[in-house]
C-alpha atoms as a PDB file:
ATOM      1  CA  MET A   1       0.000   0.000   0.000  1.00  0.00           C
ATOM      2  CA  LEU A   2       2.956   2.327   0.472  1.00  0.00           C
ATOM      3  CA  PRO A   3       3.272   3.181  -3.246  1.00  0.00           C
ATOM      4  CA  PHE A   4      -0.298   4.488  -3.134  1.00  0.00           C
ATOM      5  CA  HIS A   5       0.378   6.631  -0.053  1.00  0.00           C
ATOM      6  CA  PRO A   6       4.033   7.738  -0.286  1.00  0.00           C
ATOM      7  CA  GLN A   7       3.391  10.734   1.976  1.00  0.00           C
ATOM      8  CA  VAL A   8       3.428   8.414   5.013  1.00  0.00           C
ATOM      9  CA  LEU A   9       7.045   7.483   4.359  1.00  0.00           C
ATOM     10  CA  GLU A  10       9.549   9.664   6.151  1.00  0.00           C
ATOM     11  CA  VAL A  11      12.300   9.342   3.543  1.00  0.00           C
ATOM     12  CA  PRO A  12      15.057  11.051   5.576  1.00  0.00           C
ATOM     13  CA  ARG A  13      14.328   8.846   8.593  1.00  0.00           C
ATOM     14  CA  GLN A  14      13.994   5.645   6.555  1.00  0.00           C
ATOM     15  CA  GLN A  15      16.970   6.353   4.315  1.00  0.00           C
ATOM     16  CA  TYR A  16      19.557   5.517   6.947  1.00  0.00           C
ATOM     17  CA  THR A  17      18.799   2.166   8.514  1.00  0.00           C
ATOM     18  CA  ASP A  18      20.371   1.174  11.796  1.00  0.00           C
ATOM     19  CA  TYR A  19      22.498  -1.416  10.035  1.00  0.00           C
ATOM     20  CA  PHE A  20      23.757   1.111   7.481  1.00  0.00           C
ATOM     21  CA  LEU A  21      24.655   3.622  10.212  1.00  0.00           C
ATOM     22  CA  PHE A  22      26.233   0.964  12.411  1.00  0.00           C
ATOM     23  CA  THR A  23      28.299  -0.392   9.510  1.00  0.00           C
ATOM     24  CA  GLU A  24      29.467   3.122   8.643  1.00  0.00           C
ATOM     25  CA  LEU A  25      30.366   3.761  12.270  1.00  0.00           C
ATOM     26  CA  LEU A  26      32.487   0.611  12.368  1.00  0.00           C
ATOM     27  CA  ARG A  27      34.138   1.592   9.091  1.00  0.00           C
ATOM     28  CA  LEU A  28      34.821   5.243   9.905  1.00  0.00           C
ATOM     29  CA  ILE A  29      35.886   5.136  13.534  1.00  0.00           C
ATOM     30  CA  PRO A  30      39.660   5.506  13.976  1.00  0.00           C
ATOM     31  CA  ASP A  31      41.706   3.782  16.680  1.00  0.00           C
ATOM     32  CA  ARG A  32      41.562   6.736  19.058  1.00  0.00           C
ATOM     33  CA  ALA A  33      39.111   8.635  21.223  1.00  0.00           C
ATOM     34  CA  LEU A  34      36.794  11.025  19.395  1.00  0.00           C
ATOM     35  CA  SER A  35      34.214  13.561  20.434  1.00  0.00           C
ATOM     36  CA  PHE A  36      30.666  13.191  19.194  1.00  0.00           C
ATOM     37  CA  ASN A  37      31.178  16.267  16.996  1.00  0.00           C
ATOM     38  CA  GLU A  38      34.245  14.663  15.375  1.00  0.00           C
ATOM     39  CA  ILE A  39      32.229  11.516  14.674  1.00  0.00           C
ATOM     40  CA  ILE A  40      29.461  13.621  13.122  1.00  0.00           C
ATOM     41  CA  GLN A  41      32.075  15.314  10.912  1.00  0.00           C
ATOM     42  CA  LEU A  42      33.338  11.905   9.736  1.00  0.00           C
ATOM     43  CA  PHE A  43      29.797  10.995   8.666  1.00  0.00           C
ATOM     44  CA  GLU A  44      29.241  14.347   6.966  1.00  0.00           C
ATOM     45  CA  THR A  45      32.484  13.888   5.027  1.00  0.00           C
ATOM     46  CA  ARG A  46      30.890  10.723   3.599  1.00  0.00           C
ATOM     47  CA  GLY A  47      27.844  12.759   2.497  1.00  0.00           C
ATOM     48  CA  ILE A  48      25.508  11.470   5.210  1.00  0.00           C
ATOM     49  CA  ASN A  49      22.871  13.907   6.420  1.00  0.00           C
ATOM     50  CA  THR A  50      23.574  13.727  10.143  1.00  0.00           C
ATOM     51  CA  ARG A  51      20.608  15.879  11.153  1.00  0.00           C
ATOM     52  CA  ASN A  52      18.433  12.823  10.573  1.00  0.00           C
ATOM     53  CA  CYS A  53      20.555  10.264  12.373  1.00  0.00           C
ATOM     54  CA  GLN A  54      22.338  11.921  15.304  1.00  0.00           C
ATOM     55  CA  GLN A  55      20.120  10.221  17.894  1.00  0.00           C
ATOM     56  CA  ARG A  56      20.814   6.765  16.451  1.00  0.00           C
ATOM     57  CA  LEU A  57      24.569   7.392  16.281  1.00  0.00           C
ATOM     58  CA  LEU A  58      24.592   8.547  19.887  1.00  0.00           C
ATOM     59  CA  ALA A  59      22.625   5.434  20.906  1.00  0.00           C
ATOM     60  CA  PHE A  60      25.253   3.206  19.256  1.00  0.00           C
ATOM     61  CA  LEU A  61      28.067   5.103  20.964  1.00  0.00           C
ATOM     62  CA  GLU A  62      26.274   4.643  24.288  1.00  0.00           C
ATOM     63  CA  GLY A  63      26.112   0.863  23.799  1.00  0.00           C
ATOM     64  CA  GLU A  64      22.937   0.100  21.869  1.00  0.00           C
ATOM     65  CA  LEU A  65      23.188  -2.412  19.032  1.00  0.00           C
ATOM     66  CA  PRO A  66      20.957  -2.590  15.948  1.00  0.00           C
ATOM     67  CA  ALA A  67      17.849  -4.666  16.629  1.00  0.00           C
ATOM     68  CA  GLY A  68      18.355  -8.295  15.684  1.00  0.00           C
ATOM     69  CA  LEU A  69      22.147  -8.154  15.474  1.00  0.00           C
ATOM     70  CA  ILE A  70      22.350 -10.731  18.242  1.00  0.00           C
ATOM     71  CA  PRO A  71      19.441 -12.590  19.861  1.00  0.00           C
ATOM     72  CA  ASN A  72      17.938 -10.920  22.908  1.00  0.00           C
ATOM     73  CA  ASN A  73      16.790 -12.927  25.934  1.00  0.00           C
ATOM     74  CA  THR A  74      13.345 -13.564  24.444  1.00  0.00           C
ATOM     75  CA  ASP A  75      14.769 -14.694  21.107  1.00  0.00           C
ATOM     76  CA  SER A  76      17.345 -16.912  22.802  1.00  0.00           C
ATOM     77  CA  SER A  77      14.609 -19.104  24.220  1.00  0.00           C
ATOM     78  CA  TRP A  78      13.854 -20.222  20.652  1.00  0.00           C
ATOM     79  CA  LEU A  79      17.444 -21.237  19.928  1.00  0.00           C
ATOM     80  CA  ASN A  80      18.965 -24.634  20.546  1.00  0.00           C
ATOM     81  CA  LEU A  81      21.798 -24.932  23.042  1.00  0.00           C
ATOM     82  CA  THR A  82      24.519 -24.822  20.373  1.00  0.00           C
ATOM     83  CA  SER A  83      23.146 -21.561  18.957  1.00  0.00           C
ATOM     84  CA  ARG A  84      22.775 -20.029  22.433  1.00  0.00           C
ATOM     85  CA  GLU A  85      26.445 -20.806  23.044  1.00  0.00           C
ATOM     86  CA  ASN A  86      27.520 -19.079  19.797  1.00  0.00           C
ATOM     87  CA  PHE A  87      30.923 -17.458  20.291  1.00  0.00           C
ATOM     88  CA  ASP A  88      30.040 -14.348  18.253  1.00  0.00           C
ATOM     89  CA  TYR A  89      26.865 -13.667  20.241  1.00  0.00           C
ATOM     90  CA  LYS A  90      28.732 -13.968  23.526  1.00  0.00           C
ATOM     91  CA  ALA A  91      31.676 -11.839  22.391  1.00  0.00           C
ATOM     92  CA  ILE A  92      29.396  -9.042  21.194  1.00  0.00           C
ATOM     93  CA  ALA A  93      27.179  -9.123  24.284  1.00  0.00           C
ATOM     94  CA  ASN A  94      30.019  -9.264  26.823  1.00  0.00           C
ATOM     95  CA  ALA A  95      31.919  -6.081  26.001  1.00  0.00           C
ATOM     96  CA  PRO A  96      30.897  -2.559  25.032  1.00  0.00           C
ATOM     97  CA  LEU A  97      31.976  -1.226  21.657  1.00  0.00           C
ATOM     98  CA  PHE A  98      32.922   2.178  23.091  1.00  0.00           C
ATOM     99  CA  GLU A  99      34.230   3.440  26.382  1.00  0.00           C
ATOM    100  CA  LYS A 100      32.871   6.839  27.319  1.00  0.00           C
ATOM    101  CA  GLN A 101      35.575   9.306  28.309  1.00  0.00           C
ATOM    102  CA  GLY A 102      34.150  12.516  29.655  1.00  0.00           C
ATOM    103  CA  SER A 103      31.206  14.260  28.121  1.00  0.00           C
ATOM    104  CA  LEU A 104      30.417  12.942  24.632  1.00  0.00           C
ATOM    105  CA  THR A 105      33.903  11.571  23.972  1.00  0.00           C
ATOM    106  CA  TYR A 106      34.239   7.910  23.041  1.00  0.00           C
ATOM    107  CA  ARG A 107      37.189   5.544  22.730  1.00  0.00           C
ATOM    108  CA  PRO A 108      36.616   2.401  20.641  1.00  0.00           C
ATOM    109  CA  ASN A 109      37.242  -0.985  22.221  1.00  0.00           C
ATOM    110  CA  LEU A 110      39.542  -2.266  19.462  1.00  0.00           C
ATOM    111  CA  PRO A 111      39.092  -6.028  20.004  1.00  0.00           C
ATOM    112  CA  GLN A 112      35.319  -5.525  20.097  1.00  0.00           C
ATOM    113  CA  LEU A 113      35.459  -3.322  17.002  1.00  0.00           C
ATOM    114  CA  GLN A 114      37.341  -6.036  15.095  1.00  0.00           C
ATOM    115  CA  SER A 115      34.949  -8.707  16.334  1.00  0.00           C
ATOM    116  CA  LEU A 116      31.901  -6.740  15.174  1.00  0.00           C
ATOM    117  CA  ARG A 117      33.468  -5.970  11.796  1.00  0.00           C
ATOM    118  CA  ARG A 118      34.154  -9.675  11.269  1.00  0.00           C
ATOM    119  CA  TYR A 119      30.639 -10.613  12.394  1.00  0.00           C
ATOM    120  CA  LEU A 120      29.004  -8.077  10.044  1.00  0.00           C
ATOM    121  CA  ASP A 121      31.171  -9.353   7.186  1.00  0.00           C
ATOM    122  CA  LEU A 122      29.817 -12.848   7.862  1.00  0.00           C
ATOM    123  CA  ILE A 123      26.250 -11.548   7.854  1.00  0.00           C
ATOM    124  CA  GLN A 124      26.759  -9.611   4.628  1.00  0.00           C
ATOM    125  CA  ALA A 125      28.297 -12.631   2.914  1.00  0.00           C
ATOM    126  CA  SER A 126      25.029 -14.519   3.331  1.00  0.00           C
ATOM    127  CA  THR A 127      22.618 -11.750   2.237  1.00  0.00           C
ATOM    128  CA  GLN A 128      21.865  -9.950  -0.980  1.00  0.00           C
ATOM    129  CA  GLN A 129      21.160  -6.590   0.632  1.00  0.00           C
ATOM    130  CA  SER A 130      24.160  -4.345   0.987  1.00  0.00           C
ATOM    131  CA  LEU A 131      24.629  -2.504   4.251  1.00  0.00           C
ATOM    132  CA  GLU A 132      26.998  -0.096   2.549  1.00  0.00           C
ATOM    133  CA  GLU A 133      24.430   2.069   0.764  1.00  0.00           C
ATOM    134  CA  PRO A 134      21.504   4.025   2.183  1.00  0.00           C
ATOM    135  CA  TYR A 135      18.047   2.995   1.043  1.00  0.00           C
ATOM    136  CA  THR A 136      16.522   4.713  -1.908  1.00  0.00           C
ATOM    137  CA  VAL A 137      12.802   4.780  -2.396  1.00  0.00           C
ATOM    138  CA  ASN A 138      11.731   4.836  -5.991  1.00  0.00           C
ATOM    139  CA  PHE A 139       8.078   3.955  -6.391  1.00  0.00           C
ATOM    140  CA  VAL A 140       6.894   3.850  -9.960  1.00  0.00           C
ATOM    141  CA  LEU A 141       3.186   3.384 -10.423  1.00  0.00           C
ATOM    142  CA  LYS A 142       1.975   2.186 -13.759  1.00  0.00           C
ATOM    143  CA  VAL A 143      -1.426   3.433 -14.695  1.00  0.00           C
ATOM    144  CA  VAL A 144      -3.399   1.026 -16.817  1.00  0.00           C
ATOM    145  CA  HIS A 145      -5.716   2.769 -19.255  1.00  0.00           C
END
């Protein structure tokens, strides 16, 4: 129904998915502490409109992960024991990606950063959707006469 009612789609908000932003964050972050403003500048250098995604970036810096990246407690109940004991899930859940240093300054946890990069590479290898490009919405309606 969305093609018939495109006005309900908030293109700027939908353009940058959590996985796209998270992947960019992992790609752009250097091996040193950065202020939130410096991180925003890194994203703007890549042409990303940060006015629409600052809250999500801050959430990731504060420790939130994209929904579904690893199973939460409710989802884990559906997994078999081998899946619940998955090394990647445990490694990601057991350590924060960033250490907060002062007000809005973040230092990446390098082993965790490498672990998440490797994990996202594994995910991307088994999907057709790229996490490296923002979404584009291009609805074309054909009118039958």
